[in-house]
Protein backbone atom coordinates (compact mmCIF):
# COMPACT_ATOMS: atom_id res chain seq x y z
CA MET A 1 -1.46 231.37 65.75
CA VAL A 2 -2.79 229.99 69.01
CA ASN A 3 -4.70 231.91 71.64
CA CYS A 4 -4.70 230.88 75.28
CA ARG A 5 -6.55 232.58 78.07
CA TRP A 6 -4.99 233.37 81.41
CA LYS A 7 -6.69 234.37 84.62
CA ALA A 8 -3.54 235.32 86.46
CA ILE A 9 -3.66 238.72 88.12
CA LYS A 10 -5.23 240.94 85.46
CA PHE A 11 -3.76 239.35 82.35
CA GLU A 12 -6.70 238.42 80.22
CA GLU A 13 -5.19 236.85 77.16
CA CYS A 14 -1.92 235.67 75.75
CA GLU A 15 -1.17 235.10 72.12
CA CYS A 16 1.47 232.59 71.04
CA LEU A 17 2.84 232.94 67.54
CA TYR A 18 5.11 230.18 66.25
CA HIS A 19 7.86 231.25 63.86
CA ARG A 20 10.28 228.42 63.09
CA LYS A 21 12.14 228.03 66.38
CA SER A 22 10.74 231.04 68.21
CA PHE A 23 7.41 232.30 69.40
CA THR A 24 6.16 235.60 70.74
CA PRO A 25 3.56 235.76 73.47
CA ALA A 26 2.21 239.29 73.93
CA LEU A 27 -0.46 241.05 75.91
CA PRO A 28 -2.95 242.97 73.77
CA PHE A 29 -2.30 246.27 75.58
CA PRO A 30 -1.20 249.20 73.34
CA PHE A 31 0.54 251.26 76.04
CA PRO A 32 3.91 252.31 74.55
CA ILE A 33 6.23 250.68 77.09
CA TYR A 34 8.06 247.66 75.67
CA MET A 35 10.49 245.16 77.17
CA ARG A 36 12.23 242.35 75.36
CA LEU A 37 13.90 239.21 76.65
CA GLN A 38 15.65 236.41 74.78
CA TYR A 39 16.83 233.12 76.21
CA GLN A 40 17.03 229.47 75.29
CA LEU A 41 14.29 227.10 76.43
CA THR A 42 14.84 223.42 75.54
CA GLY A 43 16.15 224.31 72.09
CA TYR A 44 13.68 227.12 71.38
CA GLU A 45 14.47 230.81 71.36
CA LEU A 46 11.91 232.51 73.53
CA ILE A 47 11.16 236.15 72.72
CA VAL A 48 8.82 237.91 75.10
CA LEU A 49 7.38 241.25 74.05
CA VAL A 50 5.32 242.94 76.73
CA SER A 51 3.22 246.01 76.16
CA LEU A 52 1.18 247.45 78.99
CA LYS A 53 -1.94 249.53 78.61
CA GLN A 54 -2.56 252.34 81.07
CA LYS A 55 -4.89 250.94 83.67
CA PRO A 56 -5.46 252.09 87.25
CA PHE A 57 -3.52 249.18 88.73
CA LEU A 58 -0.49 249.79 86.51
CA SER A 59 -0.27 253.44 85.66
CA PRO A 60 1.99 255.80 87.60
CA SER A 61 -0.15 258.36 89.36
CA LYS A 62 0.76 261.64 90.89
CA ASN A 63 1.21 259.87 94.20
CA MET A 64 3.40 257.06 92.83
CA ASP A 65 7.02 257.77 92.02
CA PHE A 66 8.67 256.25 88.99
CA GLN A 67 10.78 253.84 91.04
CA ARG A 68 7.71 252.28 92.61
CA PHE A 69 6.02 252.03 89.24
CA SER A 70 9.11 250.37 87.80
CA SER A 71 9.03 247.77 90.60
CA VAL A 72 5.41 246.94 89.83
CA LEU A 73 6.24 246.71 86.15
CA LEU A 74 9.20 244.40 86.82
CA ALA A 75 7.09 242.10 89.00
CA ILE A 76 4.46 241.77 86.30
CA PHE A 77 7.19 241.21 83.72
CA ILE A 78 8.60 238.30 85.75
CA ILE A 79 5.13 236.75 86.03
CA MET A 80 4.75 237.16 82.27
CA ILE A 81 7.94 235.20 81.71
CA ILE A 82 6.77 232.36 83.94
CA PHE A 83 3.40 232.05 82.25
CA SER A 84 4.70 232.58 78.74
CA SER A 85 7.02 229.60 79.19
CA LEU A 86 3.88 227.47 79.24
CA CYS A 87 2.97 228.57 75.72
CA LEU A 88 4.57 226.55 72.96
CA ALA A 89 3.09 225.63 69.63
CA SER A 90 4.46 222.75 67.58
CA PRO A 91 4.46 223.17 63.80
CA SER A 92 4.61 219.44 63.14
CA SER A 93 1.66 218.51 65.29
CA ASN A 94 -1.90 217.93 64.19
CA VAL A 95 -2.94 219.34 67.54
CA LYS A 96 -3.20 223.12 67.38
CA TRP A 97 -2.20 223.72 70.97
CA ARG A 98 0.07 221.65 73.12
CA LYS A 99 2.54 222.10 75.93
CA GLN A 100 6.29 222.13 75.56
CA ASN A 101 7.62 219.23 73.54
CA ASN A 102 9.40 217.99 76.64
CA ARG A 103 8.71 214.36 77.44
CA SER A 104 9.62 214.87 81.09
CA ASN A 105 6.49 217.04 81.31
CA CYS A 106 4.35 214.76 79.17
CA ASP A 107 2.26 211.79 80.22
CA VAL A 108 2.94 209.40 77.36
CA TYR A 109 0.29 207.04 78.73
CA GLN A 110 -2.56 209.49 78.08
CA GLY A 111 -3.60 209.66 74.45
CA SER A 112 -5.46 207.84 71.70
CA TRP A 113 -4.86 205.49 68.78
CA VAL A 114 -4.46 207.06 65.34
CA TYR A 115 -4.25 205.39 61.96
CA ASP A 116 -0.71 205.40 60.55
CA ASP A 117 0.06 203.50 57.35
CA SER A 118 3.78 203.42 58.22
CA TYR A 119 2.93 200.75 60.80
CA PRO A 120 3.57 197.95 61.67
CA LEU A 121 7.17 198.52 62.73
CA TYR A 122 8.27 195.18 61.22
CA ASN A 123 7.11 192.28 59.13
CA SER A 124 6.03 189.57 61.56
CA SER A 125 6.70 186.90 58.92
CA ALA A 126 10.39 187.77 59.10
CA CYS A 127 10.62 187.51 62.89
CA PRO A 128 11.83 184.10 64.12
CA PHE A 129 10.81 184.63 67.74
CA ILE A 130 6.98 184.62 67.62
CA ARG A 131 5.23 181.66 69.21
CA LYS A 132 2.12 180.25 67.62
CA GLU A 133 -0.08 181.70 70.37
CA PHE A 134 0.59 185.24 69.15
CA ASP A 135 1.23 184.92 65.41
CA CYS A 136 -2.13 186.15 64.12
CA PHE A 137 -0.88 186.88 60.60
CA GLU A 138 0.60 183.39 60.20
CA TYR A 139 -2.62 181.76 61.38
CA GLY A 140 -4.84 183.50 58.90
CA ARG A 141 -6.24 186.66 60.40
CA PRO A 142 -7.91 188.20 57.33
CA ASP A 143 -8.01 191.86 58.43
CA HIS A 144 -4.77 193.79 58.78
CA LEU A 145 -6.06 197.16 59.95
CA TYR A 146 -5.18 196.27 63.56
CA LEU A 147 -1.51 196.50 62.55
CA GLN A 148 -1.72 200.10 61.41
CA TYR A 149 -2.51 202.05 64.53
CA ARG A 150 -0.01 204.20 66.38
CA TRP A 151 -0.30 205.40 69.96
CA GLN A 152 -0.42 209.19 70.04
CA PRO A 153 0.05 210.86 73.45
CA THR A 154 -2.14 213.92 73.93
CA THR A 155 0.56 216.51 74.65
CA CYS A 156 3.69 215.20 72.94
CA ASP A 157 4.93 212.62 70.44
CA LEU A 158 6.12 209.16 71.35
CA PRO A 159 9.59 208.50 69.93
CA ARG A 160 9.54 205.82 67.28
CA SER A 161 11.35 202.72 68.40
CA ASP A 162 14.98 202.56 67.32
CA GLY A 163 16.25 199.06 68.00
CA GLN A 164 19.84 199.78 67.15
CA ASN A 165 19.94 202.77 69.47
CA PHE A 166 18.30 200.63 72.15
CA LEU A 167 21.06 198.04 71.85
CA GLN A 168 23.83 200.62 71.70
CA SER A 169 22.49 202.47 74.73
CA LEU A 170 22.20 199.26 76.74
CA GLN A 171 25.40 197.66 75.54
CA GLY A 172 26.64 195.01 77.94
CA LYS A 173 23.38 195.00 79.91
CA LYS A 174 20.99 192.23 80.97
CA ILE A 175 17.27 192.87 80.61
CA MET A 176 14.88 190.48 82.32
CA PHE A 177 11.10 190.21 81.92
CA ILE A 178 9.55 188.59 84.99
CA GLY A 179 5.94 187.45 85.01
CA ASP A 180 3.34 185.33 83.25
CA SER A 181 2.49 184.87 79.55
CA ILE A 182 1.82 188.61 79.20
CA SER A 183 5.52 189.08 79.92
CA LEU A 184 6.21 186.47 77.23
CA ASN A 185 4.08 188.57 74.86
CA GLN A 186 6.21 191.65 75.51
CA PHE A 187 9.48 189.70 75.49
CA GLU A 188 8.84 188.31 72.00
CA SER A 189 7.67 191.69 70.69
CA LEU A 190 10.90 193.32 71.85
CA LEU A 191 12.95 190.59 70.18
CA CYS A 192 11.11 191.22 66.90
CA LEU A 193 11.67 194.98 67.13
CA LEU A 194 15.38 194.53 67.78
CA HIS A 195 15.79 191.85 65.11
CA ALA A 196 14.12 194.08 62.53
CA SER A 197 16.52 196.92 63.36
CA VAL A 198 19.67 194.78 63.16
CA PRO A 199 18.70 191.83 60.93
CA ASN A 200 22.31 190.86 60.27
CA ALA A 201 23.41 190.92 63.90
CA ASN A 202 24.91 187.84 65.55
CA ILE A 203 22.16 186.45 67.75
CA ARG A 204 22.45 183.49 70.09
CA GLU A 205 19.48 181.79 71.72
CA GLU A 206 19.55 179.80 74.93
CA LYS A 207 16.23 177.97 74.91
CA ASN A 208 16.80 174.86 76.96
CA THR A 209 17.25 176.60 80.28
CA SER A 210 14.95 177.69 83.08
CA VAL A 211 15.47 181.27 81.93
CA PRO A 212 15.15 181.55 78.12
CA THR A 213 17.69 184.09 76.87
CA VAL A 214 18.43 185.79 73.57
CA ILE A 215 21.83 187.46 73.30
CA PHE A 216 22.65 190.13 70.72
CA GLU A 217 26.34 189.32 70.71
CA ASP A 218 27.54 192.37 68.78
CA TYR A 219 26.20 194.54 71.60
CA GLU A 220 26.51 192.04 74.47
CA VAL A 221 22.86 192.66 75.34
CA SER A 222 20.92 189.79 76.88
CA ILE A 223 17.11 189.71 76.80
CA MET A 224 15.79 187.21 79.34
CA LEU A 225 12.43 185.78 80.41
CA PHE A 226 11.78 184.54 83.95
CA HIS A 227 8.49 182.69 84.29
CA SER A 228 6.70 183.68 87.51
CA LEU A 229 2.92 183.70 87.64
CA LEU A 230 2.58 185.45 91.00
CA LEU A 231 6.06 186.89 91.77
CA VAL A 232 5.87 185.52 95.32
CA ASP A 233 6.58 181.85 96.02
CA VAL A 234 4.38 178.79 95.55
CA GLU A 235 5.91 175.79 97.34
CA GLN A 236 4.96 172.13 97.27
CA GLU A 237 4.22 170.85 100.77
CA ASP A 238 2.49 167.76 102.20
CA ILE A 239 -0.91 169.44 102.00
CA GLY A 240 -0.38 170.60 98.42
CA ARG A 241 0.80 173.75 96.67
CA VAL A 242 1.03 176.63 99.11
CA LEU A 243 1.02 180.25 97.97
CA LYS A 244 3.28 182.13 100.39
CA LEU A 245 2.36 185.80 100.33
CA ASP A 246 5.38 186.89 102.36
CA SER A 247 8.09 184.87 100.60
CA LEU A 248 10.08 185.87 97.51
CA LYS A 249 13.12 183.64 97.04
CA ASP A 250 13.66 184.19 93.31
CA GLY A 251 14.71 187.76 94.02
CA ASN A 252 18.27 186.53 94.51
CA ILE A 253 18.39 185.88 90.75
CA TRP A 254 16.54 189.02 89.69
CA LYS A 255 18.57 191.61 91.56
CA ASP A 256 21.73 190.99 89.51
CA MET A 257 20.05 192.23 86.30
CA ASP A 258 20.44 195.72 84.84
CA VAL A 259 16.78 196.16 83.84
CA LEU A 260 13.86 194.37 85.47
CA VAL A 261 10.37 194.45 83.93
CA PHE A 262 7.77 192.90 86.24
CA ASN A 263 4.19 191.84 85.59
CA THR A 264 1.52 189.90 87.43
CA TRP A 265 -2.26 189.74 87.71
CA LEU A 266 -3.53 187.25 85.14
CA TRP A 267 -3.45 184.26 87.51
CA TRP A 268 -4.63 185.91 90.71
CA TYR A 269 -8.31 185.56 89.91
CA ARG A 270 -8.16 181.99 88.50
CA ARG A 271 -10.27 179.34 90.25
CA GLY A 272 -10.81 175.63 89.85
CA PRO A 273 -8.32 173.51 87.88
CA LYS A 274 -6.53 176.62 86.57
CA GLN A 275 -5.81 178.00 90.04
CA PRO A 276 -2.03 177.69 90.54
CA TRP A 277 -2.17 176.97 94.29
CA ASP A 278 -4.15 174.85 96.75
CA TYR A 279 -3.67 176.85 99.95
CA VAL A 280 -2.58 180.34 100.92
CA GLU A 281 -0.16 181.11 103.73
CA ASP A 282 -0.68 184.58 105.15
CA ASP A 283 1.54 185.67 108.05
CA GLY A 284 2.08 182.09 109.15
CA THR A 285 -1.58 181.07 108.88
CA ILE A 286 -2.67 178.48 106.31
CA LEU A 287 -5.94 179.32 104.57
CA LYS A 288 -7.92 177.45 101.95
CA ASP A 289 -8.61 180.73 100.18
CA MET A 290 -8.93 184.47 100.79
CA ASP A 291 -10.07 187.63 99.07
CA ARG A 292 -8.04 187.68 95.86
CA MET A 293 -7.54 191.45 95.79
CA VAL A 294 -6.29 191.38 99.38
CA ALA A 295 -3.91 188.53 98.49
CA PHE A 296 -2.73 190.46 95.42
CA ARG A 297 -1.99 193.52 97.55
CA LYS A 298 -0.10 191.48 100.16
CA ALA A 299 2.05 189.82 97.48
CA LEU A 300 2.84 193.16 95.84
CA THR A 301 3.75 194.56 99.25
CA THR A 302 6.20 191.69 99.75
CA TRP A 303 7.69 192.46 96.34
CA ALA A 304 7.88 196.19 97.18
CA LYS A 305 9.74 195.49 100.42
CA TRP A 306 12.16 193.32 98.44
CA VAL A 307 12.86 196.19 96.03
CA ASP A 308 13.57 198.59 98.88
CA SER A 309 15.80 196.17 100.78
CA GLU A 310 17.58 194.22 98.06
CA VAL A 311 17.75 196.12 94.75
CA ASP A 312 20.52 198.60 94.05
CA THR A 313 18.60 201.05 91.88
CA ASN A 314 21.81 202.90 91.07
CA LYS A 315 22.68 199.84 88.98
CA THR A 316 19.30 198.27 88.23
CA ARG A 317 16.30 199.95 86.63
CA VAL A 318 13.02 198.60 88.02
CA ILE A 319 9.87 198.76 85.89
CA PHE A 320 6.44 197.35 86.61
CA GLN A 321 4.06 196.80 83.75
CA GLY A 322 0.49 197.94 84.33
CA ILE A 323 -2.50 195.60 84.20
CA SER A 324 -3.03 194.08 80.76
CA PRO A 325 -6.79 193.86 80.07
CA SER A 326 -8.85 191.16 78.38
CA HIS A 327 -11.93 191.70 76.19
CA TYR A 328 -14.59 189.06 76.80
CA ASN A 329 -17.39 191.31 78.00
CA GLY A 330 -18.81 193.79 75.50
CA THR A 331 -20.67 195.59 78.27
CA GLU A 332 -17.33 197.16 79.16
CA TRP A 333 -17.25 199.00 75.82
CA ASN A 334 -21.02 199.57 75.51
CA GLU A 335 -21.79 196.52 73.37
CA PRO A 336 -23.60 194.24 75.86
CA LYS A 337 -24.39 191.51 73.32
CA VAL A 338 -20.70 190.95 72.48
CA MET A 339 -19.10 188.07 74.38
CA ASN A 340 -15.54 188.11 73.00
CA CYS A 341 -13.18 189.91 70.64
CA SER A 342 -13.68 187.71 67.56
CA LYS A 343 -15.34 190.32 65.35
CA GLU A 344 -13.54 193.40 66.62
CA THR A 345 -11.52 195.16 63.91
CA GLN A 346 -11.06 198.72 65.20
CA PRO A 347 -9.90 200.36 68.43
CA ILE A 348 -12.20 202.27 70.72
CA SER A 349 -12.00 205.94 69.79
CA GLY A 350 -10.96 208.55 72.31
CA SER A 351 -8.71 208.30 75.32
CA THR A 352 -10.86 206.64 77.99
CA TYR A 353 -12.35 203.17 78.34
CA PRO A 354 -16.11 203.26 78.93
CA SER A 355 -16.08 201.04 82.02
CA GLY A 356 -13.06 202.72 83.59
CA LEU A 357 -9.85 201.34 85.00
CA PRO A 358 -9.63 197.87 86.61
CA LEU A 359 -9.40 197.64 90.40
CA PRO A 360 -6.02 195.82 90.43
CA LEU A 361 -4.41 198.84 88.76
CA TYR A 362 -5.42 201.01 91.72
CA VAL A 363 -3.96 198.41 94.07
CA LEU A 364 -0.74 198.33 92.05
CA GLU A 365 -0.43 202.13 91.98
CA ASP A 366 -1.04 202.31 95.72
CA VAL A 367 1.68 199.77 96.48
CA LEU A 368 4.14 201.40 94.09
CA SER A 369 3.59 204.75 95.82
CA SER A 370 4.86 203.20 99.07
CA ILE A 371 8.25 202.21 97.63
CA GLU A 372 11.13 204.47 98.61
CA LYS A 373 13.35 203.53 95.67
CA PRO A 374 12.58 204.61 92.09
CA VAL A 375 10.23 202.26 90.23
CA HIS A 376 8.68 203.20 86.90
CA LEU A 377 5.09 202.16 86.16
CA LEU A 378 4.84 201.17 82.51
CA ASN A 379 1.20 202.11 82.55
CA ILE A 380 -0.13 200.26 79.52
CA THR A 381 -3.60 199.62 80.94
CA THR A 382 -5.75 202.31 79.31
CA LEU A 383 -4.06 202.21 75.91
CA SER A 384 -4.50 198.43 75.87
CA GLN A 385 -8.12 198.61 77.03
CA LEU A 386 -8.84 200.69 73.91
CA ARG A 387 -7.54 197.88 71.65
CA LYS A 388 -10.34 195.32 71.74
CA ASP A 389 -9.37 194.59 68.12
CA ALA A 390 -5.77 193.52 68.77
CA HIS A 391 -6.11 190.07 70.38
CA PRO A 392 -5.47 186.81 68.52
CA SER A 393 -9.10 185.69 68.98
CA SER A 394 -9.14 182.35 67.09
CA TYR A 395 -6.18 183.22 64.82
CA ASN A 396 -3.54 181.34 66.77
CA GLY A 397 -1.87 177.94 66.69
CA PHE A 398 -4.42 176.43 69.07
CA ARG A 399 -7.48 177.81 67.25
CA ALA A 400 -8.91 178.66 70.68
CA MET A 401 -10.59 181.97 71.46
CA ASP A 402 -7.99 184.22 73.04
CA CYS A 403 -8.98 187.75 74.02
CA THR A 404 -6.33 187.95 76.75
CA HIS A 405 -3.02 187.89 74.89
CA TRP A 406 -2.04 190.12 71.98
CA CYS A 407 -1.09 189.68 68.35
CA ILE A 408 2.56 190.15 67.40
CA ALA A 409 3.08 192.47 65.60
CA GLY A 410 0.65 194.67 67.48
CA VAL A 411 -0.03 196.32 70.82
CA PRO A 412 3.01 194.86 72.66
CA ASP A 413 5.19 196.78 70.19
CA THR A 414 3.73 199.97 71.66
CA TRP A 415 4.48 198.69 75.16
CA ASN A 416 8.08 198.35 74.03
CA GLU A 417 8.14 201.79 72.43
CA LEU A 418 7.10 203.08 75.85
CA LEU A 419 9.77 200.92 77.47
CA TYR A 420 12.29 202.37 75.02
CA THR A 421 11.19 205.88 76.03
CA ALA A 422 11.42 205.05 79.75
CA LEU A 423 14.92 203.58 79.45
CA ILE A 424 16.56 205.68 76.76
CA ASN A 425 14.77 209.03 76.74
């Protein structure tokens, strides 16, 4: 039994009782007038029982004829139906009260991490696609608790990844990840998830090309990786490498795909030897440098204009991955003496990151809101911020401290469960 309080008109309380596939919301008024309605609501039989207590605003008086009273009663009954449709209790949930189990009304990116001993979704030792940068288990990570957390949205359940259904649903399609090494992280995670679901499938790899591709031949599904640090162009000229904020030539390759998953941010704030350009060209003007957040916005705006002008979204699904966080500064999670992720073994509890969301995510969301065509934000930022425990740290093939990328198996599997939900469900 779940109680929920309303403040609509003069309804003071509604009571939702869950009985198998039906529930009965009722007002606690004993007046002996009853109305009953049955209809189907997303697979649930909704039974509304309304009883109205005699109150001045409802009761027929000497000056009110029965027809007028009936009209008032009908109006209130309609309002009851609207509000009662918001009341749905799920018998399988640990949460006592939640909205309809309808993912179209659920923000799957708001939630928390819960322990689940049925995870990980696959044995990383059996996956042939993991590079040494991400293979924490292979390179000796001693704790395995980081593998056994599941993302739990607040108001619904995230469908468990079904690799075979993914391949069947996208049969004959080409899926391309476009971005930096974070895209590589997600690309390899998806390959592991699919391989674990169809271990005996015929798989062909094309490694020695500019666009690494893995083809699941039984389903004619191609998973591709296009390396692009900044999405917009960097061209070699006499003065050096020039970052061109208003040029995007690789789009001619991208637009022929069936699913595009974009990502960029990691290299926008790099300086010194790791900076991937020498000069910036902004609207025809060559600059030695400029505000990085402004440059990031301008590049995303160029990409957004390309989507609107060049991509046929009736054929091609466009997805942009949110900002993947790093964990080198313990002040962000209220541990100011911590300088990296090396000793982190558990997620941050709750659903919010202590230091809040990163500025580039706001820039990304703002640019995406300007696009006329449909683009889905795979908003993995908050859920990844909470996983300070899930980076390779020193358990990688280079033995270098890495609190930027993610272990596989691990958090990128959840990104791909969310991708699965966005594409299939």
